[in-house]
Amino acid sequence: MLRFWYPGAERRIDSLEQLREALDLLLLKYDVQFVGPVGRRYLAEYMVARPVAVFALACHYQWEASARQAARECLKLSHEELIDNDAAVFLGLIFADIYQSLLLYHKQCGEAAASADNDAVSGPPAFSWETCKQCHITPGSGRKQWISDFVVKLAEKLKDRPILALADVTLLAAPMQYIANCRGNCRLAGYNELPLLFGFSLPHSLTSALDKVELKLNFKD
């Protein structure tokens, strides 16, 4: 068991389940602490494919940095995926309040992302549609109807999937059609500005908003 943890040894870990077996034996039963760094590297290999399970295992071994990284990766999941996944066995290793912290973190990040969506559209730089005199304005908001619709739909996506929602370029289809039909400023510059908003301004605002959300972890002995 110990031999493959040494530098240059042949890797024999083929699954997250197998990694957990090895780490439970070495870390928890025999207190072989030097395998920790290698174990964390192996664990990181499953971060993208199984972030909830990795979060649970990281908390199980009280590896805070790995747990926080996995929680951030979980923001690419929808709320349903966060609950209905293949991590049940691993979640059974941690206290319920730690899992609740992950769920709360996901919810708060979704709310922060939705707010960042609105702020990015409202704030600088000034986009051409703000001065367009042809597009219909949403009553009471001063914002063009098509951009209001875009913000609402994107906010719904971000609340459910705080990071990966921006990968859904189909969200641009409806606003691009509005731009094509506009006879004012939107049509003149909107084709360039909307991708700039979606690909640069929004991700920047989103990252800044998510960085402010705290994941509370309280490991118990």
Protein backbone atom coordinates (compact mmCIF):
# COMPACT_ATOMS: atom_id res chain seq x y z
CA MET A 1 0.00 0.00 0.00
CA LEU A 2 2.72 2.49 0.92
CA ARG A 3 4.99 1.67 -1.97
CA PHE A 4 3.02 3.43 -4.69
CA TRP A 5 2.91 6.73 -2.73
CA TYR A 6 6.66 7.21 -3.07
CA PRO A 7 8.05 9.37 -5.92
CA GLY A 8 8.52 7.35 -9.11
CA ALA A 9 6.24 4.53 -7.99
CA GLU A 10 3.61 3.19 -10.37
CA ARG A 11 0.17 4.71 -9.81
CA ARG A 12 -2.52 2.22 -8.75
CA ILE A 13 -5.47 4.47 -7.97
CA ASP A 14 -8.22 3.88 -10.54
CA SER A 15 -11.23 5.52 -8.90
CA LEU A 16 -12.29 7.97 -6.23
CA GLU A 17 -13.64 5.06 -4.22
CA GLN A 18 -10.26 3.36 -4.31
CA LEU A 19 -8.53 6.59 -3.31
CA ARG A 20 -10.84 6.92 -0.32
CA GLU A 21 -10.04 3.34 0.77
CA ALA A 22 -6.31 3.99 0.60
CA LEU A 23 -6.48 7.33 2.40
CA ASP A 24 -8.76 6.02 5.14
CA LEU A 25 -6.29 3.25 5.81
CA LEU A 26 -3.13 5.33 5.69
CA LEU A 27 -4.32 8.63 7.16
CA LEU A 28 -7.05 7.67 9.58
CA LYS A 29 -6.02 4.21 10.72
CA TYR A 30 -2.21 4.40 10.64
CA ASP A 31 -1.76 8.22 10.73
CA VAL A 32 0.76 8.18 7.85
CA GLN A 33 0.67 11.94 7.30
CA PHE A 34 3.31 12.14 4.58
CA VAL A 35 0.84 10.72 2.03
CA GLY A 36 -1.38 13.80 2.43
CA PRO A 37 0.17 15.95 -0.35
CA VAL A 38 0.10 13.07 -2.83
CA GLY A 39 -3.46 12.23 -1.80
CA ARG A 40 -4.55 15.82 -2.44
CA ARG A 41 -3.02 15.71 -5.92
CA TYR A 42 -4.87 12.50 -6.74
CA LEU A 43 -8.08 13.99 -5.34
CA ALA A 44 -7.72 17.06 -7.56
CA GLU A 45 -7.87 14.84 -10.64
CA TYR A 46 -11.56 14.20 -9.91
CA MET A 47 -12.38 17.85 -9.15
CA VAL A 48 -14.11 18.62 -12.46
CA ALA A 49 -15.92 15.32 -12.97
CA ARG A 50 -17.11 14.78 -9.37
CA PRO A 51 -16.87 18.05 -7.43
CA VAL A 52 -19.46 17.16 -4.76
CA ALA A 53 -17.72 13.89 -3.94
CA VAL A 54 -14.34 15.65 -3.87
CA PHE A 55 -15.78 18.31 -1.55
CA ALA A 56 -17.03 15.62 0.82
CA LEU A 57 -13.73 13.74 0.83
CA ALA A 58 -11.73 16.94 1.31
CA CYS A 59 -13.90 17.79 4.33
CA HIS A 60 -13.60 14.21 5.57
CA TYR A 61 -9.81 14.61 5.72
CA GLN A 62 -10.10 18.28 6.77
CA TRP A 63 -8.27 19.56 3.69
CA GLU A 64 -9.76 23.04 3.68
CA ALA A 65 -8.08 24.40 0.53
CA SER A 66 -9.23 21.38 -1.50
CA ALA A 67 -12.75 21.66 -0.06
CA ARG A 68 -13.01 25.33 -1.05
CA GLN A 69 -11.72 24.60 -4.54
CA ALA A 70 -14.28 21.82 -4.95
CA ALA A 71 -17.08 24.07 -3.67
CA ARG A 72 -16.16 26.63 -6.33
CA GLU A 73 -16.24 23.88 -8.96
CA CYS A 74 -19.72 22.96 -7.71
CA LEU A 75 -20.94 26.35 -8.93
CA LYS A 76 -20.87 24.88 -12.43
CA LEU A 77 -23.64 22.51 -11.35
CA SER A 78 -27.34 23.31 -11.27
CA HIS A 79 -29.13 23.12 -7.93
CA GLU A 80 -30.69 19.81 -8.99
CA GLU A 81 -27.30 18.37 -9.95
CA LEU A 82 -25.89 19.48 -6.62
CA ILE A 83 -28.49 17.40 -4.78
CA ASP A 84 -29.06 14.52 -7.19
CA ASN A 85 -25.58 13.15 -7.88
CA ASP A 86 -23.40 10.10 -7.28
CA ALA A 87 -21.77 11.44 -4.13
CA ALA A 88 -24.14 9.98 -1.53
CA VAL A 89 -21.57 7.51 -0.18
CA PHE A 90 -19.03 10.30 0.29
CA LEU A 91 -21.53 12.76 1.75
CA GLY A 92 -22.21 10.16 4.43
CA LEU A 93 -18.67 10.77 5.68
CA ILE A 94 -19.30 14.38 6.69
CA PHE A 95 -21.61 16.16 9.11
CA ALA A 96 -24.93 17.40 7.72
CA ASP A 97 -24.13 21.02 8.57
CA ILE A 98 -21.08 20.95 6.28
CA TYR A 99 -23.20 19.79 3.35
CA GLN A 100 -25.77 22.45 4.26
CA SER A 101 -22.95 25.00 4.09
CA LEU A 102 -22.22 23.88 0.53
CA LEU A 103 -25.89 24.19 -0.45
CA LEU A 104 -26.12 27.64 1.15
CA TYR A 105 -22.90 28.72 -0.58
CA HIS A 106 -24.31 27.63 -3.95
CA LYS A 107 -27.56 29.53 -3.28
CA GLN A 108 -25.80 32.71 -2.16
CA CYS A 109 -23.45 32.57 -5.14
CA GLY A 110 -26.45 32.24 -7.45
CA GLU A 111 -28.02 35.33 -5.93
CA ALA A 112 -24.73 37.24 -6.13
CA ALA A 113 -24.26 36.19 -9.76
CA ALA A 114 -27.76 37.33 -10.69
CA SER A 115 -27.11 40.71 -9.07
CA ALA A 116 -23.76 41.01 -10.87
CA ASP A 117 -25.60 40.36 -14.14
CA ASN A 118 -27.82 43.38 -13.56
CA ASP A 119 -24.92 45.57 -12.41
CA ALA A 120 -22.78 44.73 -15.44
CA VAL A 121 -25.54 45.80 -17.82
CA SER A 122 -26.33 48.97 -15.87
CA GLY A 123 -22.79 50.13 -15.16
CA PRO A 124 -19.97 51.43 -17.33
CA PRO A 125 -18.93 51.22 -20.07
CA ALA A 126 -21.90 52.95 -21.74
CA PHE A 127 -23.38 50.70 -24.42
CA SER A 128 -24.97 51.98 -27.60
CA TRP A 129 -28.42 50.67 -26.65
CA GLU A 130 -28.52 53.08 -23.71
CA THR A 131 -28.84 56.02 -26.10
CA CYS A 132 -30.96 54.29 -28.74
CA LYS A 133 -34.18 56.20 -29.44
CA GLN A 134 -35.80 53.46 -31.51
CA CYS A 135 -36.09 50.54 -29.09
CA HIS A 136 -39.05 50.15 -26.75
CA ILE A 137 -38.32 51.03 -23.11
CA THR A 138 -39.54 48.90 -20.21
CA PRO A 139 -42.04 51.04 -18.26
CA GLY A 140 -40.62 52.33 -15.00
CA SER A 141 -37.08 51.09 -15.60
CA GLY A 142 -35.66 53.33 -18.32
CA ARG A 143 -34.05 50.22 -19.80
CA LYS A 144 -34.68 48.91 -23.29
CA GLN A 145 -37.19 46.05 -23.32
CA TRP A 146 -34.91 43.60 -25.10
CA ILE A 147 -32.01 44.14 -22.69
CA SER A 148 -34.41 43.82 -19.73
CA ASP A 149 -35.59 40.47 -21.09
CA PHE A 150 -31.99 39.37 -21.58
CA VAL A 151 -31.03 40.33 -18.00
CA VAL A 152 -34.03 38.50 -16.52
CA LYS A 153 -33.36 35.27 -18.44
CA LEU A 154 -29.66 35.32 -17.67
CA ALA A 155 -30.33 36.02 -13.98
CA GLU A 156 -32.57 32.94 -13.81
CA LYS A 157 -29.81 30.81 -15.32
CA LEU A 158 -27.16 32.26 -13.00
CA LYS A 159 -29.23 31.62 -9.89
CA ASP A 160 -29.41 27.95 -10.79
CA ARG A 161 -25.90 27.51 -12.23
CA PRO A 162 -23.74 30.43 -11.03
CA ILE A 163 -20.72 29.87 -13.27
CA LEU A 164 -21.56 27.70 -16.26
CA ALA A 165 -24.60 29.78 -17.28
CA LEU A 166 -22.32 32.09 -19.24
CA ALA A 167 -21.32 29.16 -21.43
CA ASP A 168 -24.87 29.06 -22.80
CA VAL A 169 -24.42 31.25 -25.88
CA THR A 170 -28.00 30.51 -26.97
CA LEU A 171 -28.96 33.27 -24.53
CA LEU A 172 -27.62 35.71 -27.12
CA ALA A 173 -30.04 34.60 -29.84
CA ALA A 174 -33.04 36.71 -28.80
CA PRO A 175 -31.13 39.95 -28.09
CA MET A 176 -29.20 39.58 -31.35
CA GLN A 177 -32.51 39.39 -33.19
CA TYR A 178 -33.70 42.56 -31.49
CA ILE A 179 -30.47 44.27 -32.51
CA ALA A 180 -30.92 43.13 -36.12
CA ASN A 181 -34.42 44.63 -36.24
CA CYS A 182 -33.45 47.91 -34.60
CA ARG A 183 -33.05 50.96 -36.84
CA GLY A 184 -31.15 52.99 -34.28
CA ASN A 185 -27.92 52.82 -32.26
CA CYS A 186 -28.38 49.18 -31.25
CA ARG A 187 -28.01 47.97 -34.81
CA LEU A 188 -24.99 50.16 -35.47
CA ALA A 189 -22.81 48.90 -32.60
CA GLY A 190 -24.77 46.25 -30.74
CA TYR A 191 -23.36 43.30 -32.68
CA ASN A 192 -19.94 44.08 -31.26
CA GLU A 193 -21.00 45.33 -27.85
CA LEU A 194 -23.29 42.47 -26.80
CA PRO A 195 -20.56 39.80 -27.17
CA LEU A 196 -18.24 42.17 -25.27
CA LEU A 197 -20.78 42.37 -22.46
CA PHE A 198 -21.35 38.61 -22.44
CA GLY A 199 -17.73 37.57 -22.88
CA PHE A 200 -15.85 40.18 -20.83
CA SER A 201 -17.89 42.55 -18.66
CA LEU A 202 -20.23 39.90 -17.27
CA PRO A 203 -17.52 37.31 -16.42
CA HIS A 204 -15.47 40.02 -14.70
CA SER A 205 -18.45 41.19 -12.62
CA LEU A 206 -19.41 37.60 -11.90
CA THR A 207 -15.96 36.61 -10.63
CA SER A 208 -15.81 39.69 -8.42
CA ALA A 209 -19.25 38.94 -6.95
CA LEU A 210 -18.51 35.26 -6.28
CA ASP A 211 -15.22 36.06 -4.59
CA LYS A 212 -17.17 37.98 -1.93
CA VAL A 213 -19.37 35.02 -0.97
CA GLU A 214 -18.05 33.12 2.03
CA LEU A 215 -18.16 29.35 2.36
CA LYS A 216 -18.38 28.57 6.07
CA LEU A 217 -16.55 25.40 7.03
CA ASN A 218 -16.44 24.18 10.60
CA PHE A 219 -14.58 20.90 10.84
CA LYS A 220 -15.31 18.85 13.95
CA ASP A 221 -12.99 16.33 15.53
